[in-house]
Amino acid sequence: MSHFTKLKTKITDKVFLKKAISDMELEYVEGKLKAKGWLWKREKADIIIPTKSGYDIGFRFNGETYDVVADWDSIGDVDQETFINTLNQRYAYNVVKETLAQQGFLLTEEQNKAGTINMTLSREQ
């Protein structure tokens, strides 16, 4: 039996959430939406990512953070753990990069190895 699962996240900023989704080369829609699940079940969402399976991955703001709502049993083309880990990594990357840029740092080098991002920064003179 398929059902929606709500996953808590520490994602608080919609701008960085959308950047993370874009970094993953996924398309999204935002607004007052309903994420689609199996047997026409729907859950409220502020952002949805349509999947090839015809079901959606949704993000719903709970007043503090964004919850992920999805019928993972029906979404066969996206692995839940890989998706969440990659999303969290890209979100953190964008937050750190922007925060450090505001403090006068420049990203001079970036290396991606085995799922790890190493950033080399320099301070503007």
Protein backbone atom coordinates (compact mmCIF):
# COMPACT_ATOMS: atom_id res chain seq x y z
CA MET A 1 0.00 0.00 0.00
CA SER A 2 1.37 3.33 -1.04
CA HIS A 3 1.25 6.49 1.06
CA PHE A 4 2.80 9.93 1.45
CA THR A 5 5.77 10.28 3.74
CA LYS A 6 6.74 13.58 5.35
CA LEU A 7 10.46 14.04 5.95
CA LYS A 8 11.67 16.82 8.22
CA THR A 9 14.63 18.86 6.94
CA LYS A 10 16.75 21.73 8.20
CA ILE A 11 16.11 23.66 4.98
CA THR A 12 14.81 27.13 5.85
CA ASP A 13 15.45 29.32 2.81
CA LYS A 14 13.37 28.96 -0.36
CA VAL A 15 15.96 30.70 -2.58
CA PHE A 16 18.70 28.24 -1.61
CA LEU A 17 16.26 25.31 -1.85
CA LYS A 18 15.46 26.29 -5.45
CA LYS A 19 19.19 26.67 -6.21
CA ALA A 20 19.84 23.19 -4.80
CA ILE A 21 17.07 21.71 -6.96
CA SER A 22 18.47 23.49 -10.03
CA ASP A 23 21.99 22.24 -9.19
CA MET A 24 20.53 18.72 -9.34
CA GLU A 25 19.30 19.55 -12.86
CA LEU A 26 15.68 19.01 -11.86
CA GLU A 27 12.73 21.14 -12.89
CA TYR A 28 10.32 22.47 -10.31
CA VAL A 29 7.08 24.42 -10.05
CA GLU A 30 6.19 26.71 -7.17
CA GLY A 31 2.94 28.13 -5.83
CA LYS A 32 -0.01 26.78 -3.85
CA LEU A 33 0.21 23.25 -5.24
CA LYS A 34 -0.68 19.65 -4.51
CA ALA A 35 1.91 16.92 -4.95
CA LYS A 36 0.56 13.85 -6.74
CA GLY A 37 0.75 10.38 -5.24
CA TRP A 38 -0.63 6.94 -6.01
CA LEU A 39 -4.39 6.55 -6.60
CA TRP A 40 -4.90 10.30 -7.05
CA LYS A 41 -3.80 11.08 -3.49
CA ARG A 42 -2.48 14.61 -3.11
CA GLU A 43 -0.58 16.58 -0.45
CA LYS A 44 -0.24 20.36 -0.16
CA ALA A 45 3.12 21.69 -1.32
CA ASP A 46 4.81 25.03 -2.01
CA ILE A 47 7.26 23.55 -4.52
CA ILE A 48 6.92 20.34 -6.51
CA ILE A 49 9.35 18.36 -8.61
CA PRO A 50 7.53 16.18 -11.15
CA THR A 51 9.16 12.77 -11.65
CA LYS A 52 9.18 10.46 -14.65
CA SER A 53 6.92 8.06 -12.72
CA GLY A 54 4.12 10.66 -12.82
CA TYR A 55 4.26 11.31 -9.08
CA ASP A 56 5.70 14.39 -7.39
CA ILE A 57 8.26 15.23 -4.76
CA GLY A 58 6.86 18.16 -2.81
CA PHE A 59 8.25 20.73 -0.38
CA ARG A 60 5.92 22.27 2.18
CA PHE A 61 6.93 25.12 4.48
CA ASN A 62 5.86 24.36 8.05
CA GLY A 63 6.55 27.85 9.40
CA GLU A 64 10.21 27.14 10.17
CA THR A 65 11.59 24.61 7.69
CA TYR A 66 10.61 22.81 4.51
CA ASP A 67 9.27 19.26 4.85
CA VAL A 68 9.62 16.87 1.93
CA VAL A 69 6.32 15.18 1.08
CA ALA A 70 6.29 12.32 -1.41
CA ASP A 71 4.83 8.92 -2.11
CA TRP A 72 8.26 7.27 -2.23
CA ASP A 73 6.78 3.79 -2.71
CA SER A 74 5.33 4.95 -6.05
CA ILE A 75 8.31 7.02 -7.21
CA GLY A 76 10.44 4.38 -8.82
CA ASP A 77 12.87 6.60 -10.72
CA VAL A 78 14.27 8.56 -7.72
CA ASP A 79 16.01 6.94 -4.75
CA GLN A 80 14.85 8.68 -1.55
CA GLU A 81 18.14 8.49 0.35
CA THR A 82 20.27 9.62 -2.59
CA PHE A 83 17.84 12.45 -3.37
CA ILE A 84 17.77 13.77 0.22
CA ASN A 85 21.55 13.49 0.66
CA THR A 86 22.27 15.30 -2.62
CA LEU A 87 19.65 17.97 -1.88
CA ASN A 88 21.10 18.64 1.58
CA GLN A 89 24.63 18.82 0.18
CA ARG A 90 23.70 21.26 -2.60
CA TYR A 91 21.64 23.39 -0.18
CA ALA A 92 24.55 23.61 2.29
CA TYR A 93 27.00 24.38 -0.53
CA ASN A 94 24.90 27.31 -1.78
CA VAL A 95 24.33 28.69 1.73
CA VAL A 96 28.05 28.52 2.57
CA LYS A 97 29.13 30.00 -0.76
CA GLU A 98 26.72 32.95 -0.50
CA THR A 99 27.43 33.59 3.19
CA LEU A 100 31.19 33.66 2.61
CA ALA A 101 30.80 35.88 -0.47
CA GLN A 102 28.90 38.38 1.69
CA GLN A 103 31.88 38.33 4.08
CA GLY A 104 34.31 39.15 1.28
CA PHE A 105 35.60 35.69 0.40
CA LEU A 106 36.08 34.43 -3.16
CA LEU A 107 35.79 30.80 -4.18
CA THR A 108 39.11 30.10 -5.90
CA GLU A 109 38.94 26.33 -6.23
CA GLU A 110 36.39 23.58 -5.83
CA GLN A 111 36.93 19.83 -5.91
CA ASN A 112 34.24 17.16 -5.88
CA LYS A 113 35.52 13.77 -4.78
CA ALA A 114 33.47 10.76 -3.75
CA GLY A 115 30.48 12.87 -2.69
CA THR A 116 32.60 15.42 -0.80
CA ILE A 117 32.99 19.06 -1.78
CA ASN A 118 36.26 20.78 -0.90
CA MET A 119 36.26 24.56 -1.28
CA THR A 120 39.33 26.80 -1.34
CA LEU A 121 38.59 30.44 -0.56
CA SER A 122 40.56 33.65 -0.57
CA ARG A 123 39.78 36.96 1.04
CA GLU A 124 39.30 40.02 -1.12
CA GLN A 125 41.97 42.64 -0.41
